[in-house]
Amino acid sequence: MTIGKGKRARDPNQLAKWIVEQSTAEPVPETPVQVPSDLSAYMSAMGRRGGMVGGKRRLVTMTPEARKKAAGKAAQARWGKAKPK
């Protein structure tokens, strides 16, 4: 017999027992999601946390040539901007 959304039981008695259990079970109270008052700061923190992990993993998987190309592209974006007049 399975629990949850798995295969249904083939034995009709087990299936009947499962149906009765599901229909008479107490509902699980949903826990409310707590949204912080400053949503933009919360989303910023989540993105920062993912970015901190992502960059390290990316460096492990990149080849030295790919790293050099990415660094060159970053340097061009950083220093290749036109000077403001």
N, C-alpha and C. Protein backbone atom coordinates (compact mmCIF):
# COMPACT_ATOMS: atom_id res chain seq x y z
N MET A 1 0.84 -1.17 0.00
CA MET A 1 0.00 0.00 0.00
C MET A 1 0.89 1.24 0.00
N THR A 2 0.43 2.26 -0.69
CA THR A 2 1.24 3.47 -0.79
C THR A 2 0.59 4.61 -0.02
N ILE A 3 1.40 5.60 0.22
CA ILE A 3 0.93 6.78 0.93
C ILE A 3 1.07 7.96 -0.02
N GLY A 4 0.13 8.85 0.00
CA GLY A 4 0.25 10.06 -0.81
C GLY A 4 -0.21 9.83 -2.23
N LYS A 5 0.57 10.37 -3.18
CA LYS A 5 0.16 10.34 -4.57
C LYS A 5 0.81 9.21 -5.36
N GLY A 6 1.23 8.15 -4.71
CA GLY A 6 1.86 7.04 -5.41
C GLY A 6 0.83 6.19 -6.12
N LYS A 7 1.23 4.99 -6.48
CA LYS A 7 0.31 4.06 -7.12
C LYS A 7 -0.80 3.69 -6.15
N ARG A 8 -1.96 3.44 -6.70
CA ARG A 8 -3.06 2.98 -5.85
C ARG A 8 -2.86 1.49 -5.56
N ALA A 9 -3.38 1.07 -4.44
CA ALA A 9 -3.27 -0.34 -4.06
C ALA A 9 -4.11 -1.19 -5.02
N ARG A 10 -3.60 -2.34 -5.38
CA ARG A 10 -4.34 -3.23 -6.29
C ARG A 10 -5.41 -4.02 -5.56
N ASP A 11 -5.15 -4.31 -4.30
CA ASP A 11 -6.12 -5.06 -3.52
C ASP A 11 -7.29 -4.14 -3.18
N PRO A 12 -8.53 -4.52 -3.50
CA PRO A 12 -9.67 -3.65 -3.24
C PRO A 12 -9.84 -3.32 -1.76
N ASN A 13 -9.49 -4.25 -0.88
CA ASN A 13 -9.61 -3.98 0.55
C ASN A 13 -8.63 -2.92 1.01
N GLN A 14 -7.40 -3.00 0.51
CA GLN A 14 -6.40 -1.99 0.86
C GLN A 14 -6.80 -0.63 0.29
N LEU A 15 -7.33 -0.64 -0.95
CA LEU A 15 -7.77 0.60 -1.57
C LEU A 15 -8.91 1.23 -0.77
N ALA A 16 -9.86 0.41 -0.33
CA ALA A 16 -10.98 0.92 0.46
C ALA A 16 -10.48 1.50 1.78
N LYS A 17 -9.54 0.83 2.42
CA LYS A 17 -8.98 1.33 3.67
C LYS A 17 -8.29 2.67 3.45
N TRP A 18 -7.53 2.79 2.37
CA TRP A 18 -6.82 4.03 2.06
C TRP A 18 -7.80 5.16 1.81
N ILE A 19 -8.88 4.88 1.07
CA ILE A 19 -9.89 5.90 0.77
C ILE A 19 -10.56 6.39 2.05
N VAL A 20 -10.89 5.46 2.95
CA VAL A 20 -11.52 5.84 4.21
C VAL A 20 -10.56 6.68 5.05
N GLU A 21 -9.30 6.29 5.10
CA GLU A 21 -8.32 7.05 5.87
C GLU A 21 -8.16 8.47 5.33
N GLN A 22 -8.11 8.59 4.00
CA GLN A 22 -7.95 9.91 3.38
C GLN A 22 -9.17 10.79 3.59
N SER A 23 -10.36 10.20 3.53
CA SER A 23 -11.57 11.00 3.64
C SER A 23 -11.89 11.39 5.09
N THR A 24 -11.38 10.64 6.06
CA THR A 24 -11.68 10.95 7.45
C THR A 24 -10.51 11.57 8.20
N ALA A 25 -9.40 11.77 7.53
CA ALA A 25 -8.21 12.32 8.19
C ALA A 25 -8.44 13.79 8.53
N GLU A 26 -7.81 14.21 9.59
CA GLU A 26 -7.87 15.62 9.99
C GLU A 26 -7.03 16.42 9.01
N PRO A 27 -7.54 17.54 8.54
CA PRO A 27 -6.73 18.36 7.62
C PRO A 27 -5.53 18.95 8.34
N VAL A 28 -4.42 18.97 7.64
CA VAL A 28 -3.19 19.53 8.20
C VAL A 28 -3.29 21.04 8.08
N PRO A 29 -3.18 21.76 9.20
CA PRO A 29 -3.27 23.23 9.11
C PRO A 29 -2.10 23.79 8.33
N GLU A 30 -2.40 24.70 7.42
CA GLU A 30 -1.35 25.32 6.62
C GLU A 30 -0.66 26.38 7.44
N THR A 31 0.65 26.38 7.37
CA THR A 31 1.40 27.40 8.08
C THR A 31 1.45 28.65 7.19
N PRO A 32 1.09 29.79 7.72
CA PRO A 32 1.11 31.01 6.89
C PRO A 32 2.55 31.40 6.53
N VAL A 33 2.71 31.85 5.32
CA VAL A 33 4.02 32.30 4.86
C VAL A 33 4.24 33.70 5.40
N GLN A 34 5.37 33.89 6.03
CA GLN A 34 5.68 35.20 6.60
C GLN A 34 6.45 36.02 5.58
N VAL A 35 5.82 37.06 5.09
CA VAL A 35 6.47 37.95 4.13
C VAL A 35 7.01 39.13 4.91
N PRO A 36 8.30 39.41 4.76
CA PRO A 36 8.86 40.54 5.49
C PRO A 36 8.24 41.85 5.03
N SER A 37 8.30 42.86 5.88
CA SER A 37 7.70 44.14 5.55
C SER A 37 8.42 44.80 4.38
N ASP A 38 9.72 44.62 4.26
CA ASP A 38 10.49 45.20 3.16
C ASP A 38 10.78 44.09 2.15
N LEU A 39 9.89 43.91 1.19
CA LEU A 39 9.99 42.81 0.23
C LEU A 39 11.22 42.93 -0.66
N SER A 40 11.56 44.15 -1.07
CA SER A 40 12.71 44.31 -1.96
C SER A 40 14.01 43.91 -1.27
N ALA A 41 14.14 44.21 0.01
CA ALA A 41 15.34 43.81 0.75
C ALA A 41 15.39 42.29 0.89
N TYR A 42 14.24 41.68 1.09
CA TYR A 42 14.16 40.23 1.21
C TYR A 42 14.58 39.55 -0.10
N MET A 43 14.04 40.02 -1.22
CA MET A 43 14.38 39.44 -2.52
C MET A 43 15.85 39.67 -2.85
N SER A 44 16.37 40.83 -2.45
CA SER A 44 17.77 41.12 -2.68
C SER A 44 18.66 40.14 -1.91
N ALA A 45 18.29 39.87 -0.68
CA ALA A 45 19.07 38.94 0.14
C ALA A 45 19.02 37.53 -0.45
N MET A 46 17.86 37.12 -0.95
CA MET A 46 17.75 35.79 -1.55
C MET A 46 18.63 35.69 -2.80
N GLY A 47 18.60 36.71 -3.65
CA GLY A 47 19.41 36.70 -4.85
C GLY A 47 20.89 36.71 -4.54
N ARG A 48 21.27 37.47 -3.53
CA ARG A 48 22.67 37.55 -3.13
C ARG A 48 23.15 36.19 -2.64
N ARG A 49 22.31 35.50 -1.87
CA ARG A 49 22.70 34.20 -1.34
C ARG A 49 22.91 33.19 -2.48
N GLY A 50 22.02 33.20 -3.45
CA GLY A 50 22.17 32.29 -4.58
C GLY A 50 23.37 32.64 -5.43
N GLY A 51 23.62 33.93 -5.60
CA GLY A 51 24.75 34.37 -6.41
C GLY A 51 26.08 34.00 -5.77
N MET A 52 26.14 34.03 -4.46
CA MET A 52 27.38 33.70 -3.78
C MET A 52 27.74 32.24 -4.00
N VAL A 53 26.74 31.37 -4.04
CA VAL A 53 26.99 29.95 -4.27
C VAL A 53 27.24 29.70 -5.76
N GLY A 54 26.46 30.35 -6.61
CA GLY A 54 26.53 30.10 -8.05
C GLY A 54 27.88 30.42 -8.66
N GLY A 55 28.48 31.53 -8.25
CA GLY A 55 29.77 31.92 -8.81
C GLY A 55 30.87 30.92 -8.49
N LYS A 56 30.87 30.41 -7.29
CA LYS A 56 31.89 29.43 -6.89
C LYS A 56 31.73 28.13 -7.67
N ARG A 57 30.49 27.69 -7.83
CA ARG A 57 30.26 26.46 -8.59
C ARG A 57 30.62 26.65 -10.05
N ARG A 58 30.33 27.83 -10.57
CA ARG A 58 30.63 28.09 -11.98
C ARG A 58 32.13 28.06 -12.23
N LEU A 59 32.92 28.62 -11.30
CA LEU A 59 34.36 28.61 -11.48
C LEU A 59 34.93 27.19 -11.46
N VAL A 60 34.34 26.32 -10.68
CA VAL A 60 34.83 24.94 -10.62
C VAL A 60 34.61 24.23 -11.95
N THR A 61 33.49 24.53 -12.61
CA THR A 61 33.15 23.80 -13.84
C THR A 61 33.75 24.44 -15.09
N MET A 62 34.19 25.70 -15.01
CA MET A 62 34.72 26.38 -16.20
C MET A 62 36.16 25.96 -16.49
N THR A 63 36.48 25.92 -17.77
CA THR A 63 37.86 25.65 -18.18
C THR A 63 38.66 26.95 -18.03
N PRO A 64 39.98 26.85 -17.99
CA PRO A 64 40.78 28.08 -17.89
C PRO A 64 40.53 29.04 -19.06
N GLU A 65 40.30 28.51 -20.26
CA GLU A 65 40.03 29.36 -21.41
C GLU A 65 38.70 30.10 -21.24
N ALA A 66 37.70 29.39 -20.74
CA ALA A 66 36.39 30.01 -20.53
C ALA A 66 36.47 31.08 -19.45
N ARG A 67 37.27 30.81 -18.40
CA ARG A 67 37.45 31.80 -17.35
C ARG A 67 38.12 33.06 -17.88
N LYS A 68 39.13 32.87 -18.74
CA LYS A 68 39.84 34.00 -19.31
C LYS A 68 38.91 34.83 -20.20
N LYS A 69 38.06 34.14 -20.96
CA LYS A 69 37.12 34.84 -21.83
C LYS A 69 36.10 35.63 -21.00
N ALA A 70 35.59 35.03 -19.94
CA ALA A 70 34.62 35.71 -19.07
C ALA A 70 35.27 36.91 -18.38
N ALA A 71 36.52 36.76 -17.95
CA ALA A 71 37.21 37.86 -17.29
C ALA A 71 37.45 39.01 -18.27
N GLY A 72 37.80 38.68 -19.50
CA GLY A 72 37.99 39.72 -20.52
C GLY A 72 36.71 40.46 -20.82
N LYS A 73 35.61 39.73 -20.88
CA LYS A 73 34.31 40.35 -21.14
C LYS A 73 33.93 41.27 -19.98
N ALA A 74 34.21 40.84 -18.75
CA ALA A 74 33.90 41.66 -17.57
C ALA A 74 34.76 42.92 -17.55
N ALA A 75 36.03 42.77 -17.89
CA ALA A 75 36.92 43.93 -17.91
C ALA A 75 36.49 44.92 -18.98
N GLN A 76 36.08 44.41 -20.13
CA GLN A 76 35.61 45.29 -21.21
C GLN A 76 34.36 46.05 -20.77
N ALA A 77 33.46 45.36 -20.09
CA ALA A 77 32.24 46.02 -19.61
C ALA A 77 32.57 47.05 -18.53
N ARG A 78 33.57 46.76 -17.72
CA ARG A 78 33.92 47.65 -16.62
C ARG A 78 34.69 48.87 -17.11
N TRP A 79 35.69 48.64 -17.97
CA TRP A 79 36.60 49.72 -18.34
C TRP A 79 36.38 50.24 -19.75
N GLY A 80 35.58 49.59 -20.53
CA GLY A 80 35.38 50.01 -21.92
C GLY A 80 34.28 51.03 -22.11
N LYS A 81 33.70 51.51 -21.02
CA LYS A 81 32.62 52.49 -21.13
C LYS A 81 33.16 53.83 -21.61
N ALA A 82 32.31 54.56 -22.31
CA ALA A 82 32.69 55.90 -22.77
C ALA A 82 32.73 56.84 -21.57
N LYS A 83 33.66 57.75 -21.60
CA LYS A 83 33.79 58.73 -20.53
C LYS A 83 32.65 59.73 -20.59
N PRO A 84 32.05 60.06 -19.45
CA PRO A 84 30.99 61.08 -19.48
C PRO A 84 31.56 62.45 -19.79
N LYS A 85 30.83 63.23 -20.56
CA LYS A 85 31.33 64.55 -20.98
C LYS A 85 30.96 65.63 -20.02
